[in-house]
C-alpha atoms as a PDB file:
ATOM      1  CA  UNK A   1      22.522 -81.325 148.344  1.00  0.00           C
ATOM      2  CA  UNK A   2      24.425 -80.980 145.017  1.00  0.00           C
ATOM      3  CA  UNK A   3      25.645 -77.493 143.788  1.00  0.00           C
ATOM      4  CA  UNK A   4      27.641 -76.247 141.249  1.00  0.00           C
ATOM      5  CA  UNK A   5      27.878 -72.020 141.453  1.00  0.00           C
ATOM      6  CA  UNK A   6      29.536 -70.488 138.871  1.00  0.00           C
ATOM      7  CA  UNK A   7      31.479 -66.925 139.102  1.00  0.00           C
ATOM      8  CA  UNK A   8      33.520 -64.592 136.557  1.00  0.00           C
ATOM      9  CA  UNK A   9      31.334 -63.749 134.135  1.00  0.00           C
ATOM     10  CA  UNK A  10      30.791 -60.367 133.041  1.00  0.00           C
ATOM     11  CA  UNK A  11      31.647 -57.923 130.148  1.00  0.00           C
ATOM     12  CA  UNK A  12      34.671 -57.518 128.735  1.00  0.00           C
ATOM     13  CA  UNK A  13      35.771 -55.801 125.301  1.00  0.00           C
ATOM     14  CA  UNK A  14      36.997 -58.043 122.152  1.00  0.00           C
ATOM     15  CA  UNK A  15      40.603 -59.416 122.895  1.00  0.00           C
ATOM     16  CA  UNK A  16      40.286 -59.167 126.527  1.00  0.00           C
ATOM     17  CA  UNK A  17      40.294 -62.018 129.049  1.00  0.00           C
ATOM     18  CA  UNK A  18      38.086 -63.824 131.991  1.00  0.00           C
ATOM     19  CA  UNK A  19      38.407 -66.502 134.478  1.00  0.00           C
ATOM     20  CA  UNK A  20      35.128 -68.480 135.358  1.00  0.00           C
ATOM     21  CA  UNK A  21      35.158 -70.201 138.406  1.00  0.00           C
ATOM     22  CA  UNK A  22      32.873 -73.129 139.502  1.00  0.00           C
ATOM     23  CA  UNK A  23      32.430 -74.321 143.099  1.00  0.00           C
ATOM     24  CA  UNK A  24      31.241 -77.603 143.726  1.00  0.00           C
ATOM     25  CA  UNK A  25      29.701 -78.908 146.853  1.00  0.00           C
ATOM     26  CA  UNK A  26      27.440 -82.154 147.828  1.00  0.00           C
ATOM     27  CA  UNK A  27      29.653 -84.918 145.783  1.00  0.00           C
ATOM     28  CA  UNK A  28      32.747 -86.265 145.553  1.00  0.00           C
ATOM     29  CA  UNK A  29      34.139 -83.470 143.421  1.00  0.00           C
ATOM     30  CA  UNK A  30      37.632 -85.378 142.627  1.00  0.00           C
ATOM     31  CA  UNK A  31      35.810 -88.302 141.162  1.00  0.00           C
ATOM     32  CA  UNK A  32      33.602 -86.561 138.496  1.00  0.00           C
ATOM     33  CA  UNK A  33      34.832 -85.425 134.983  1.00  0.00           C
ATOM     34  CA  UNK A  34      34.323 -81.336 134.825  1.00  0.00           C
ATOM     35  CA  UNK A  35      33.190 -79.359 131.613  1.00  0.00           C
ATOM     36  CA  UNK A  36      32.041 -75.976 130.595  1.00  0.00           C
ATOM     37  CA  UNK A  37      29.414 -75.628 128.548  1.00  0.00           C
ATOM     38  CA  UNK A  38      27.975 -72.578 126.518  1.00  0.00           C
ATOM     39  CA  UNK A  39      24.752 -71.623 125.079  1.00  0.00           C
ATOM     40  CA  UNK A  40      24.280 -68.233 122.821  1.00  0.00           C
ATOM     41  CA  UNK A  41      20.684 -66.975 122.150  1.00  0.00           C
ATOM     42  CA  UNK A  42      18.829 -69.145 119.640  1.00  0.00           C
ATOM     43  CA  UNK A  43      21.482 -71.632 119.420  1.00  0.00           C
ATOM     44  CA  UNK A  44      22.320 -74.935 121.049  1.00  0.00           C
ATOM     45  CA  UNK A  45      24.306 -75.526 124.126  1.00  0.00           C
ATOM     46  CA  UNK A  46      27.781 -76.896 123.220  1.00  0.00           C
ATOM     47  CA  UNK A  47      30.898 -78.252 124.955  1.00  0.00           C
ATOM     48  CA  UNK A  48      33.432 -76.059 125.224  1.00  0.00           C
ATOM     49  CA  UNK A  49      36.204 -78.053 127.454  1.00  0.00           C
ATOM     50  CA  UNK A  50      36.517 -80.920 129.611  1.00  0.00           C
ATOM     51  CA  UNK A  51      38.499 -82.207 132.180  1.00  0.00           C
ATOM     52  CA  UNK A  52      38.807 -86.045 133.689  1.00  0.00           C
ATOM     53  CA  UNK A  53      38.906 -86.564 137.519  1.00  0.00           C
ATOM     54  CA  UNK A  54      42.451 -86.942 137.650  1.00  0.00           C
ATOM     55  CA  UNK A  55      43.213 -83.772 134.883  1.00  0.00           C
ATOM     56  CA  UNK A  56      44.780 -86.820 132.579  1.00  0.00           C
ATOM     57  CA  UNK A  57      42.858 -85.693 129.683  1.00  0.00           C
ATOM     58  CA  UNK A  58      41.597 -82.329 128.489  1.00  0.00           C
ATOM     59  CA  UNK A  59      39.256 -81.593 125.398  1.00  0.00           C
ATOM     60  CA  UNK A  60      38.235 -78.320 123.891  1.00  0.00           C
ATOM     61  CA  UNK A  61      36.228 -76.961 121.181  1.00  0.00           C
ATOM     62  CA  UNK A  62      37.886 -76.227 118.003  1.00  0.00           C
ATOM     63  CA  UNK A  63      36.778 -72.847 118.129  1.00  0.00           C
ATOM     64  CA  UNK A  64      38.092 -72.203 121.474  1.00  0.00           C
ATOM     65  CA  UNK A  65      41.586 -73.955 120.583  1.00  0.00           C
ATOM     66  CA  UNK A  66      44.574 -71.990 121.886  1.00  0.00           C
ATOM     67  CA  UNK A  67      42.587 -69.229 123.472  1.00  0.00           C
ATOM     68  CA  UNK A  68      40.860 -71.157 126.600  1.00  0.00           C
ATOM     69  CA  UNK A  69      42.244 -73.314 129.455  1.00  0.00           C
ATOM     70  CA  UNK A  70      40.346 -75.365 131.763  1.00  0.00           C
ATOM     71  CA  UNK A  71      42.101 -76.449 134.879  1.00  0.00           C
ATOM     72  CA  UNK A  72      40.895 -77.803 138.090  1.00  0.00           C
ATOM     73  CA  UNK A  73      42.029 -77.625 142.131  1.00  0.00           C
ATOM     74  CA  UNK A  74      40.426 -80.790 143.579  1.00  0.00           C
ATOM     75  CA  UNK A  75      41.393 -79.368 146.966  1.00  0.00           C
ATOM     76  CA  UNK A  76      39.215 -76.925 146.389  1.00  0.00           C
ATOM     77  CA  UNK A  77      36.299 -78.604 144.528  1.00  0.00           C
ATOM     78  CA  UNK A  78      36.691 -76.098 142.077  1.00  0.00           C
ATOM     79  CA  UNK A  79      36.908 -76.125 137.780  1.00  0.00           C
ATOM     80  CA  UNK A  80      38.027 -72.975 136.074  1.00  0.00           C
ATOM     81  CA  UNK A  81      37.859 -71.471 132.350  1.00  0.00           C
ATOM     82  CA  UNK A  82      40.799 -68.739 131.814  1.00  0.00           C
ATOM     83  CA  UNK A  83      39.658 -67.304 128.508  1.00  0.00           C
ATOM     84  CA  UNK A  84      42.132 -65.099 126.880  1.00  0.00           C
ATOM     85  CA  UNK A  85      41.560 -63.301 123.135  1.00  0.00           C
ATOM     86  CA  UNK A  86      38.049 -63.071 123.526  1.00  0.00           C
ATOM     87  CA  UNK A  87      35.990 -62.665 120.685  1.00  0.00           C
ATOM     88  CA  UNK A  88      31.988 -61.469 120.016  1.00  0.00           C
ATOM     89  CA  UNK A  89      31.255 -65.033 119.010  1.00  0.00           C
ATOM     90  CA  UNK A  90      31.972 -65.950 122.741  1.00  0.00           C
ATOM     91  CA  UNK A  91      29.335 -64.262 124.056  1.00  0.00           C
ATOM     92  CA  UNK A  92      26.709 -66.749 125.948  1.00  0.00           C
ATOM     93  CA  UNK A  93      25.756 -68.148 129.400  1.00  0.00           C
ATOM     94  CA  UNK A  94      28.534 -70.698 130.468  1.00  0.00           C
ATOM     95  CA  UNK A  95      27.867 -73.387 132.131  1.00  0.00           C
ATOM     96  CA  UNK A  96      29.648 -75.866 134.483  1.00  0.00           C
ATOM     97  CA  UNK A  97      28.927 -79.691 134.332  1.00  0.00           C
ATOM     98  CA  UNK A  98      29.796 -82.310 136.644  1.00  0.00           C
ATOM     99  CA  UNK A  99      29.549 -86.112 134.918  1.00  0.00           C
ATOM    100  CA  UNK A 100      30.281 -88.956 136.704  1.00  0.00           C
ATOM    101  CA  UNK A 101      28.624 -92.640 135.205  1.00  0.00           C
ATOM    102  CA  UNK A 102      24.643 -91.836 135.536  1.00  0.00           C
ATOM    103  CA  UNK A 103      25.083 -88.876 137.483  1.00  0.00           C
ATOM    104  CA  UNK A 104      24.972 -85.315 135.788  1.00  0.00           C
ATOM    105  CA  UNK A 105      25.154 -82.089 137.485  1.00  0.00           C
ATOM    106  CA  UNK A 106      24.603 -78.601 136.026  1.00  0.00           C
ATOM    107  CA  UNK A 107      25.324 -74.827 137.612  1.00  0.00           C
ATOM    108  CA  UNK A 108      22.824 -71.866 136.951  1.00  0.00           C
ATOM    109  CA  UNK A 109      25.438 -70.560 134.425  1.00  0.00           C
ATOM    110  CA  UNK A 110      27.224 -67.128 134.310  1.00  0.00           C
ATOM    111  CA  UNK A 111      26.689 -64.649 131.381  1.00  0.00           C
ATOM    112  CA  UNK A 112      29.808 -63.507 129.215  1.00  0.00           C
ATOM    113  CA  UNK A 113      29.144 -60.683 126.910  1.00  0.00           C
ATOM    114  CA  UNK A 114      32.441 -59.457 124.793  1.00  0.00           C
ATOM    115  CA  UNK A 115      31.397 -56.500 122.947  1.00  0.00           C
ATOM    116  CA  UNK A 116      33.266 -52.992 122.550  1.00  0.00           C
END
């Protein structure tokens, strides 16, 4: 049974930091590209960051470059998103995604709210 379980979301003030984690099980984690997406109310889900299976390629949305860092630990089957200098516009539900060829898995999401 495939599972992606996100954690680490919450309420943070502007300028603050959060670290999201996504624990994976039920598939060969090390063979999958892993991504973080987010969806704000009334908006489409958008890609935030992606890391390939070997951590050889990292991609970021322009809006988070220089503030967010994606990483993975294949020994722990976990992908992380370090978010620094958070802004109110980063408020959204953040989703973990695993993709390989035709397989595409999603987590249930974790809420991140940036507000004073």
